[in-house]
Amino acid sequence: MKKIHGRPIYWMSPNENVAVTYNVFGMGSKYSIYRKRIYDLDHGGTVYWEYVTSFTFVGEAITYAKKIVDVAAIYQGEECENI
């Protein structure tokens, strides 16, 4: 089972760049949204998952996550571009 920051993935976008995770120990907002970030693509690229926001109900979290553009953000030094 895939996990992000130790939390199981509840929903993932078709291109696997946006995910909703479930935090069993969360205080209220148990469904967190993460977006994929890739750093230093010239040297193989390191993938990080950046926290976006959290919701109490899974339906709200998935609806919000579906509105996020399903592309990874590439960071090269000080620059950022979406691919």
C-alpha atoms as a PDB file:
ATOM      1  CA  MET A   1       0.000   0.000   0.000  1.00  0.00           C
ATOM      2  CA  LYS A   2       1.342   3.428  -0.947  1.00  0.00           C
ATOM      3  CA  LYS A   3       1.751   6.030   1.773  1.00  0.00           C
ATOM      4  CA  ILE A   4       2.619   9.715   1.948  1.00  0.00           C
ATOM      5  CA  HIS A   5       4.343  10.920   5.122  1.00  0.00           C
ATOM      6  CA  GLY A   6       3.380   7.613   6.739  1.00  0.00           C
ATOM      7  CA  ARG A   7      -0.329   8.034   5.999  1.00  0.00           C
ATOM      8  CA  PRO A   8      -2.279   5.697   3.721  1.00  0.00           C
ATOM      9  CA  ILE A   9      -3.524   7.189   0.461  1.00  0.00           C
ATOM     10  CA  TYR A  10      -7.313   7.352   0.333  1.00  0.00           C
ATOM     11  CA  TRP A  11      -7.617   8.877  -3.179  1.00  0.00           C
ATOM     12  CA  MET A  12      -5.110   9.738  -5.928  1.00  0.00           C
ATOM     13  CA  SER A  13      -5.557  11.763  -9.122  1.00  0.00           C
ATOM     14  CA  PRO A  14      -5.303  10.008 -12.518  1.00  0.00           C
ATOM     15  CA  ASN A  15      -1.750  11.317 -13.155  1.00  0.00           C
ATOM     16  CA  GLU A  16      -0.765  10.629  -9.517  1.00  0.00           C
ATOM     17  CA  ASN A  17       0.243  14.236  -8.776  1.00  0.00           C
ATOM     18  CA  VAL A  18      -2.473  15.018  -6.184  1.00  0.00           C
ATOM     19  CA  ALA A  19      -3.436  12.750  -3.299  1.00  0.00           C
ATOM     20  CA  VAL A  20      -5.790  12.621  -0.329  1.00  0.00           C
ATOM     21  CA  THR A  21      -4.455  10.782   2.714  1.00  0.00           C
ATOM     22  CA  TYR A  22      -6.162   9.578   5.855  1.00  0.00           C
ATOM     23  CA  ASN A  23      -4.695  10.440   9.265  1.00  0.00           C
ATOM     24  CA  VAL A  24      -6.185   8.128  11.866  1.00  0.00           C
ATOM     25  CA  PHE A  25      -4.684  10.241  14.667  1.00  0.00           C
ATOM     26  CA  GLY A  26      -5.820  13.588  13.239  1.00  0.00           C
ATOM     27  CA  MET A  27      -7.579  15.982  15.566  1.00  0.00           C
ATOM     28  CA  GLY A  28     -10.735  16.750  13.582  1.00  0.00           C
ATOM     29  CA  SER A  29      -9.433  17.163  10.033  1.00  0.00           C
ATOM     30  CA  LYS A  30      -8.409  13.629   9.140  1.00  0.00           C
ATOM     31  CA  TYR A  31      -8.229  13.933   5.337  1.00  0.00           C
ATOM     32  CA  SER A  32      -5.137  15.789   4.107  1.00  0.00           C
ATOM     33  CA  ILE A  33      -4.378  16.854   0.543  1.00  0.00           C
ATOM     34  CA  TYR A  34      -0.860  16.707  -0.872  1.00  0.00           C
ATOM     35  CA  ARG A  35       0.613  17.790  -4.223  1.00  0.00           C
ATOM     36  CA  LYS A  36       3.716  16.278  -5.844  1.00  0.00           C
ATOM     37  CA  ARG A  37       6.833  18.483  -6.144  1.00  0.00           C
ATOM     38  CA  ILE A  38       9.978  17.477  -8.014  1.00  0.00           C
ATOM     39  CA  TYR A  39      13.274  19.169  -7.164  1.00  0.00           C
ATOM     40  CA  ASP A  40      16.531  19.214  -9.140  1.00  0.00           C
ATOM     41  CA  LEU A  41      15.336  17.368 -12.241  1.00  0.00           C
ATOM     42  CA  ASP A  42      18.817  17.619 -13.831  1.00  0.00           C
ATOM     43  CA  HIS A  43      20.187  15.172 -11.252  1.00  0.00           C
ATOM     44  CA  GLY A  44      17.455  12.565 -11.411  1.00  0.00           C
ATOM     45  CA  GLY A  45      14.811  14.522  -9.536  1.00  0.00           C
ATOM     46  CA  THR A  46      13.766  14.161  -5.926  1.00  0.00           C
ATOM     47  CA  VAL A  47      10.046  13.788  -5.302  1.00  0.00           C
ATOM     48  CA  TYR A  48       8.445  15.482  -2.311  1.00  0.00           C
ATOM     49  CA  TRP A  49       4.799  15.666  -1.315  1.00  0.00           C
ATOM     50  CA  GLU A  50       3.780  19.168  -0.288  1.00  0.00           C
ATOM     51  CA  TYR A  51       0.885  19.595   2.150  1.00  0.00           C
ATOM     52  CA  VAL A  52      -1.996  21.689   0.763  1.00  0.00           C
ATOM     53  CA  THR A  53      -4.856  21.576   3.309  1.00  0.00           C
ATOM     54  CA  SER A  54      -7.033  19.240   5.404  1.00  0.00           C
ATOM     55  CA  PHE A  55     -10.735  18.520   5.718  1.00  0.00           C
ATOM     56  CA  THR A  56     -12.971  16.760   8.219  1.00  0.00           C
ATOM     57  CA  PHE A  57     -15.051  14.935   5.614  1.00  0.00           C
ATOM     58  CA  VAL A  58     -13.672  12.788   2.808  1.00  0.00           C
ATOM     59  CA  GLY A  59     -16.150  14.128   0.231  1.00  0.00           C
ATOM     60  CA  GLU A  60     -14.962  17.697   0.809  1.00  0.00           C
ATOM     61  CA  ALA A  61     -11.322  16.643   0.543  1.00  0.00           C
ATOM     62  CA  ILE A  62     -11.775  14.755  -2.724  1.00  0.00           C
ATOM     63  CA  THR A  63     -13.882  17.532  -4.273  1.00  0.00           C
ATOM     64  CA  TYR A  64     -11.186  20.091  -3.410  1.00  0.00           C
ATOM     65  CA  ALA A  65      -8.362  17.803  -4.607  1.00  0.00           C
ATOM     66  CA  LYS A  66     -10.058  17.302  -7.993  1.00  0.00           C
ATOM     67  CA  LYS A  67      -9.912  21.089  -8.544  1.00  0.00           C
ATOM     68  CA  ILE A  68      -6.102  21.134  -8.196  1.00  0.00           C
ATOM     69  CA  VAL A  69      -4.251  20.976 -11.511  1.00  0.00           C
ATOM     70  CA  ASP A  70      -3.026  17.396 -11.941  1.00  0.00           C
ATOM     71  CA  VAL A  71       0.580  18.196 -12.919  1.00  0.00           C
ATOM     72  CA  ALA A  72       3.796  18.007 -10.929  1.00  0.00           C
ATOM     73  CA  ALA A  73       5.603  21.227 -10.063  1.00  0.00           C
ATOM     74  CA  ILE A  74       9.264  21.214 -11.081  1.00  0.00           C
ATOM     75  CA  TYR A  75      11.741  23.270  -9.055  1.00  0.00           C
ATOM     76  CA  GLN A  76      15.171  24.112 -10.495  1.00  0.00           C
ATOM     77  CA  GLY A  77      17.026  26.314  -8.040  1.00  0.00           C
ATOM     78  CA  GLU A  78      14.931  29.452  -7.503  1.00  0.00           C
ATOM     79  CA  GLU A  79      12.591  28.755 -10.427  1.00  0.00           C
ATOM     80  CA  CYS A  80       9.357  26.781 -10.499  1.00  0.00           C
ATOM     81  CA  GLU A  81       7.456  25.545 -13.499  1.00  0.00           C
ATOM     82  CA  ASN A  82       4.478  23.252 -13.881  1.00  0.00           C
ATOM     83  CA  ILE A  83       4.770  20.400 -16.368  1.00  0.00           C
END
